[in-house]
N, C-alpha and C. Protein backbone atom coordinates (compact mmCIF):
# COMPACT_ATOMS: atom_id res chain seq x y z
N MET A 1 0.95 -1.21 -0.04
CA MET A 1 -0.04 0.07 0.03
C MET A 1 0.83 1.29 -0.02
N GLN A 2 0.58 2.12 -0.94
CA GLN A 2 1.41 3.29 -1.12
C GLN A 2 0.66 4.47 -0.58
N ILE A 3 1.10 5.29 0.29
CA ILE A 3 0.50 6.51 0.67
C ILE A 3 1.24 7.77 0.04
N TYR A 4 0.78 8.52 -0.61
CA TYR A 4 1.44 9.65 -1.21
C TYR A 4 0.83 10.99 -0.42
N SER A 5 1.68 11.70 0.15
CA SER A 5 1.23 13.05 0.74
C SER A 5 2.14 14.07 0.33
N GLY A 6 1.54 15.07 -0.46
CA GLY A 6 2.42 16.25 -0.77
C GLY A 6 2.04 17.43 0.04
N LEU A 7 3.00 18.44 0.02
CA LEU A 7 2.52 19.70 0.63
C LEU A 7 2.04 20.74 -0.32
N ASN A 8 0.73 20.88 -0.22
CA ASN A 8 -0.02 21.84 -0.99
C ASN A 8 -0.99 22.47 -0.13
N ILE A 9 -1.90 23.09 -0.78
CA ILE A 9 -2.85 23.95 0.06
C ILE A 9 -3.79 23.13 0.64
N ALA A 10 -4.39 21.98 0.07
CA ALA A 10 -5.20 21.03 0.51
C ALA A 10 -4.59 20.29 1.79
N SER A 11 -3.38 19.86 1.76
CA SER A 11 -2.87 19.33 2.98
C SER A 11 -2.53 20.31 4.18
N LEU A 12 -2.22 21.62 3.78
CA LEU A 12 -2.16 22.45 4.71
C LEU A 12 -3.43 22.84 5.37
N LEU A 13 -4.56 22.69 4.54
CA LEU A 13 -5.89 22.86 5.04
C LEU A 13 -6.29 21.62 5.90
N GLY A 14 -5.67 20.54 5.57
CA GLY A 14 -6.01 19.39 6.36
C GLY A 14 -5.34 19.50 7.80
N PHE A 15 -4.17 19.87 7.72
CA PHE A 15 -3.61 20.12 9.05
C PHE A 15 -4.33 21.17 10.02
N LEU A 16 -4.70 22.19 9.20
CA LEU A 16 -5.56 23.23 9.99
C LEU A 16 -6.92 22.67 10.58
N TYR A 17 -7.50 21.86 9.64
CA TYR A 17 -8.89 21.13 10.12
C TYR A 17 -8.46 20.27 11.36
N ILE A 18 -7.38 19.54 11.40
CA ILE A 18 -7.07 18.62 12.32
C ILE A 18 -6.87 19.59 13.75
N ILE A 19 -6.03 20.51 13.62
CA ILE A 19 -5.68 21.51 14.76
C ILE A 19 -6.90 22.14 15.28
N PHE A 20 -7.76 22.68 14.32
CA PHE A 20 -8.92 23.42 14.78
C PHE A 20 -9.99 22.45 15.58
N ALA A 21 -10.04 21.14 14.85
CA ALA A 21 -11.08 20.23 15.34
C ALA A 21 -10.78 19.97 16.98
N ILE A 22 -9.22 19.75 17.13
CA ILE A 22 -8.80 19.37 18.59
C ILE A 22 -9.25 20.56 19.40
N PHE A 23 -8.80 21.75 19.01
CA PHE A 23 -9.12 22.89 20.02
C PHE A 23 -10.64 23.03 20.15
N TYR A 24 -11.37 22.97 19.01
CA TYR A 24 -12.90 23.04 19.22
C TYR A 24 -13.53 22.23 20.09
N MET A 25 -13.00 20.91 20.02
CA MET A 25 -13.52 19.87 20.71
C MET A 25 -13.22 20.18 22.36
N GLY A 26 -12.11 20.43 22.66
CA GLY A 26 -11.58 20.80 23.92
C GLY A 26 -12.44 21.98 24.46
N PHE A 27 -12.63 23.07 23.72
CA PHE A 27 -13.23 24.12 24.19
C PHE A 27 -14.79 23.89 24.33
N MET A 28 -15.41 23.18 23.48
CA MET A 28 -16.90 23.00 23.63
C MET A 28 -17.04 22.03 24.91
N VAL A 29 -16.31 20.91 25.03
CA VAL A 29 -16.42 20.11 26.28
C VAL A 29 -16.23 20.92 27.44
N PHE A 30 -15.34 21.94 27.39
CA PHE A 30 -15.06 22.79 28.55
C PHE A 30 -16.38 23.70 28.79
N LEU A 31 -16.86 24.09 27.90
CA LEU A 31 -18.13 25.03 28.23
C LEU A 31 -19.18 24.18 28.52
N LEU A 32 -19.24 22.92 27.87
CA LEU A 32 -20.58 21.96 28.16
C LEU A 32 -20.39 21.88 29.67
N PHE A 33 -19.45 21.24 30.34
CA PHE A 33 -19.33 20.87 31.59
C PHE A 33 -19.20 22.21 32.52
N LYS A 34 -18.84 23.28 31.97
CA LYS A 34 -18.98 24.53 32.82
C LYS A 34 -20.50 25.01 33.10
N ARG A 35 -21.30 24.60 31.99
CA ARG A 35 -22.71 24.98 32.08
C ARG A 35 -23.67 23.79 32.31
N ALA A 36 -23.12 22.67 32.62
CA ALA A 36 -23.95 21.38 32.82
C ALA A 36 -25.19 21.48 33.91
N SER A 37 -24.87 22.38 34.70
CA SER A 37 -25.67 22.40 35.95
C SER A 37 -27.08 23.25 35.40
N ARG A 38 -26.79 24.16 34.47
CA ARG A 38 -27.95 24.94 33.89
C ARG A 38 -28.85 24.37 32.75
N LEU A 39 -28.11 23.28 32.39
CA LEU A 39 -28.77 22.78 31.19
C LEU A 39 -29.73 21.35 31.66
N GLY A 40 -30.79 21.31 30.97
CA GLY A 40 -31.72 20.12 31.02
C GLY A 40 -30.98 18.95 30.46
N SER A 41 -31.49 17.76 30.65
CA SER A 41 -30.86 16.44 30.24
C SER A 41 -30.84 16.59 28.65
N ILE A 42 -31.91 16.93 27.89
CA ILE A 42 -32.14 16.93 26.46
C ILE A 42 -31.02 17.99 25.96
N ALA A 43 -31.01 19.25 26.45
CA ALA A 43 -30.23 20.05 25.91
C ALA A 43 -28.57 19.75 26.16
N PHE A 44 -28.24 18.96 27.27
CA PHE A 44 -27.01 18.41 27.52
C PHE A 44 -26.54 17.50 26.57
N ILE A 45 -27.59 16.63 26.11
CA ILE A 45 -27.24 15.63 25.31
C ILE A 45 -26.92 16.21 23.83
N ILE A 46 -27.90 16.95 23.36
CA ILE A 46 -27.58 17.79 22.08
C ILE A 46 -26.19 18.67 22.06
N TYR A 47 -25.97 19.35 23.22
CA TYR A 47 -24.52 19.99 23.24
C TYR A 47 -23.54 19.00 23.23
N LEU A 48 -23.64 17.77 24.01
CA LEU A 48 -22.49 16.80 23.80
C LEU A 48 -22.31 16.27 22.42
N ILE A 49 -23.44 15.99 21.78
CA ILE A 49 -23.27 15.43 20.37
C ILE A 49 -22.61 16.52 19.55
N GLN A 50 -23.06 17.74 19.79
CA GLN A 50 -22.25 18.83 18.91
C GLN A 50 -20.87 18.94 19.26
N ALA A 51 -20.47 18.87 20.67
CA ALA A 51 -19.13 19.05 21.01
C ALA A 51 -18.31 17.75 20.57
N LEU A 52 -18.94 16.70 20.27
CA LEU A 52 -18.17 15.54 19.78
C LEU A 52 -18.16 15.27 18.27
N LEU A 53 -19.42 15.28 17.85
CA LEU A 53 -19.65 15.03 16.35
C LEU A 53 -19.09 15.90 15.42
N ILE A 54 -19.27 17.16 15.59
CA ILE A 54 -18.60 18.15 14.52
C ILE A 54 -17.19 17.97 14.53
N PRO A 55 -16.35 17.95 15.49
CA PRO A 55 -15.06 17.97 15.61
C PRO A 55 -14.56 16.62 15.09
N SER A 56 -15.17 15.69 15.31
CA SER A 56 -14.87 14.18 14.43
C SER A 56 -15.04 14.27 13.06
N ILE A 57 -15.96 14.88 12.68
CA ILE A 57 -16.17 15.07 11.19
C ILE A 57 -14.99 15.96 10.70
N MET A 58 -14.74 17.02 11.36
CA MET A 58 -13.58 17.85 10.80
C MET A 58 -12.24 16.99 10.93
N LEU A 59 -11.98 16.27 12.10
CA LEU A 59 -10.92 15.41 11.93
C LEU A 59 -10.82 14.42 10.64
N LEU A 60 -11.86 13.90 10.42
CA LEU A 60 -11.93 12.99 9.40
C LEU A 60 -11.62 13.69 8.04
N CYS A 61 -12.30 14.82 7.84
CA CYS A 61 -12.05 15.63 6.67
C CYS A 61 -10.54 16.14 6.67
N GLY A 62 -9.97 16.60 7.64
CA GLY A 62 -8.55 16.92 7.77
C GLY A 62 -7.58 15.77 7.41
N PHE A 63 -7.89 14.49 7.71
CA PHE A 63 -7.16 13.38 7.41
C PHE A 63 -7.18 13.08 5.90
N ILE A 64 -8.54 13.09 5.43
CA ILE A 64 -8.54 13.03 3.99
C ILE A 64 -7.81 14.00 3.19
N PHE A 65 -7.96 15.43 3.59
CA PHE A 65 -7.18 16.38 2.96
C PHE A 65 -5.66 16.01 2.88
N VAL A 66 -5.25 15.72 4.12
CA VAL A 66 -3.69 15.37 4.27
C VAL A 66 -3.21 14.32 3.29
N PHE A 67 -4.03 13.26 3.24
CA PHE A 67 -3.62 12.14 2.53
C PHE A 67 -3.97 12.04 0.92
N GLN A 68 -5.10 12.81 0.82
CA GLN A 68 -5.72 12.66 -0.63
C GLN A 68 -5.79 13.97 -1.28
N GLY A 69 -5.47 15.12 -0.62
CA GLY A 69 -5.41 16.45 -1.09
C GLY A 69 -4.79 16.70 -2.31
N TRP A 70 -3.64 15.93 -2.58
CA TRP A 70 -2.88 16.26 -3.83
C TRP A 70 -3.64 15.78 -5.06
N ARG A 71 -4.89 15.29 -4.87
CA ARG A 71 -5.60 14.98 -6.21
C ARG A 71 -6.39 16.08 -6.60
N LEU A 72 -6.57 16.97 -5.85
CA LEU A 72 -7.60 18.15 -6.08
C LEU A 72 -6.88 19.04 -7.02
N ASP A 73 -7.75 19.54 -8.03
CA ASP A 73 -7.19 20.67 -8.77
C ASP A 73 -6.93 21.90 -8.09
N PRO A 74 -6.26 22.90 -8.41
CA PRO A 74 -5.93 24.15 -7.74
C PRO A 74 -7.33 24.88 -7.39
N ILE A 75 -8.10 24.89 -8.38
CA ILE A 75 -9.34 25.68 -8.27
C ILE A 75 -10.27 25.10 -7.12
N LEU A 76 -10.23 23.71 -6.93
CA LEU A 76 -10.90 23.02 -5.93
C LEU A 76 -10.16 23.30 -4.61
N GLN A 77 -8.89 23.32 -4.64
CA GLN A 77 -8.09 23.48 -3.47
C GLN A 77 -8.56 24.89 -3.01
N PHE A 78 -8.67 26.06 -3.94
CA PHE A 78 -8.99 27.38 -3.44
C PHE A 78 -10.54 27.36 -2.79
N ALA A 79 -11.31 26.70 -3.50
CA ALA A 79 -12.77 26.48 -3.06
C ALA A 79 -12.81 25.86 -1.63
N GLN A 80 -11.93 24.91 -1.34
CA GLN A 80 -11.78 24.40 -0.01
C GLN A 80 -11.20 25.38 1.03
N PHE A 81 -10.32 26.20 0.52
CA PHE A 81 -9.60 27.16 1.34
C PHE A 81 -10.82 28.30 1.69
N LEU A 82 -11.56 28.47 0.79
CA LEU A 82 -12.58 29.56 1.01
C LEU A 82 -13.80 29.05 2.06
N LEU A 83 -14.06 27.66 1.82
CA LEU A 83 -15.06 27.08 2.81
C LEU A 83 -14.48 26.90 4.19
N THR A 84 -13.16 26.56 4.19
CA THR A 84 -12.56 26.49 5.57
C THR A 84 -12.55 27.88 6.25
N SER A 85 -12.22 28.91 5.53
CA SER A 85 -12.25 30.26 6.12
C SER A 85 -13.53 30.50 6.66
N LEU A 86 -14.64 30.28 5.94
CA LEU A 86 -16.06 30.44 6.50
C LEU A 86 -16.34 29.60 7.67
N ILE A 87 -15.92 28.29 7.57
CA ILE A 87 -16.16 27.59 8.79
C ILE A 87 -15.48 28.19 10.02
N ILE A 88 -14.33 28.56 10.05
CA ILE A 88 -13.41 29.07 11.08
C ILE A 88 -14.22 30.28 11.62
N TYR A 89 -14.41 31.20 10.59
CA TYR A 89 -15.06 32.53 10.86
C TYR A 89 -16.47 32.26 11.70
N PHE A 90 -17.35 31.59 11.18
CA PHE A 90 -18.62 31.40 11.88
C PHE A 90 -18.34 30.58 13.20
N SER A 91 -17.39 29.75 13.23
CA SER A 91 -17.30 29.06 14.64
C SER A 91 -16.69 29.97 15.67
N VAL A 92 -15.69 30.74 15.16
CA VAL A 92 -15.12 31.64 16.11
C VAL A 92 -16.11 32.97 16.58
N LYS A 93 -17.09 33.26 15.53
CA LYS A 93 -18.05 34.24 16.00
C LYS A 93 -19.14 33.80 16.78
N ASP A 94 -19.54 32.53 16.60
CA ASP A 94 -20.60 32.07 17.38
C ASP A 94 -20.09 31.81 18.89
N ILE A 95 -18.80 31.33 19.05
CA ILE A 95 -18.23 31.26 20.20
C ILE A 95 -18.28 32.56 21.03
N VAL A 96 -17.53 33.73 20.34
CA VAL A 96 -17.46 34.90 20.96
C VAL A 96 -18.86 35.45 21.29
N MET A 97 -19.80 35.39 20.33
CA MET A 97 -21.13 36.04 20.61
C MET A 97 -21.89 35.18 21.69
N ASN A 98 -21.49 33.99 21.73
CA ASN A 98 -22.14 33.16 22.81
C ASN A 98 -21.72 33.47 24.20
N GLU A 99 -20.35 33.81 24.29
CA GLU A 99 -19.67 34.15 25.47
C GLU A 99 -20.07 35.57 25.99
N ILE A 100 -20.19 36.45 24.94
CA ILE A 100 -20.78 37.99 25.13
C ILE A 100 -21.98 37.82 25.83
N SER A 101 -22.96 37.07 25.28
CA SER A 101 -24.42 37.05 25.66
C SER A 101 -24.41 36.26 27.01
N ARG A 102 -23.65 35.39 27.42
CA ARG A 102 -23.71 34.65 28.68
C ARG A 102 -23.12 35.59 29.71
N ASN A 103 -22.25 36.67 29.50
CA ASN A 103 -21.73 37.22 30.50
C ASN A 103 -22.55 38.47 30.83
N ARG A 104 -23.60 38.78 30.12
CA ARG A 104 -24.42 39.94 30.52
C ARG A 104 -25.24 39.81 31.57
């Protein structure tokens, strides 16, 4: 079995996905257990799924980009860069806005 991994935009995005997913999972689990006493059981389960499922999908996508990103055309790599930028922007915006609204 041969594995080819080149250093291009897709593999760099894959590494970014992996790093962001790890930090996102840690931060969401921290926030979840910080607020666990105020949440009901259904809300706790929903937030737990969100804290574990979304980063798991991002980790899987990151590994796919690292090992198979060399197959993408440059225009598709740029499209993935734009989508990654949107994902990170909305994630950070939601976390910041959530913390601002909780502190009021």
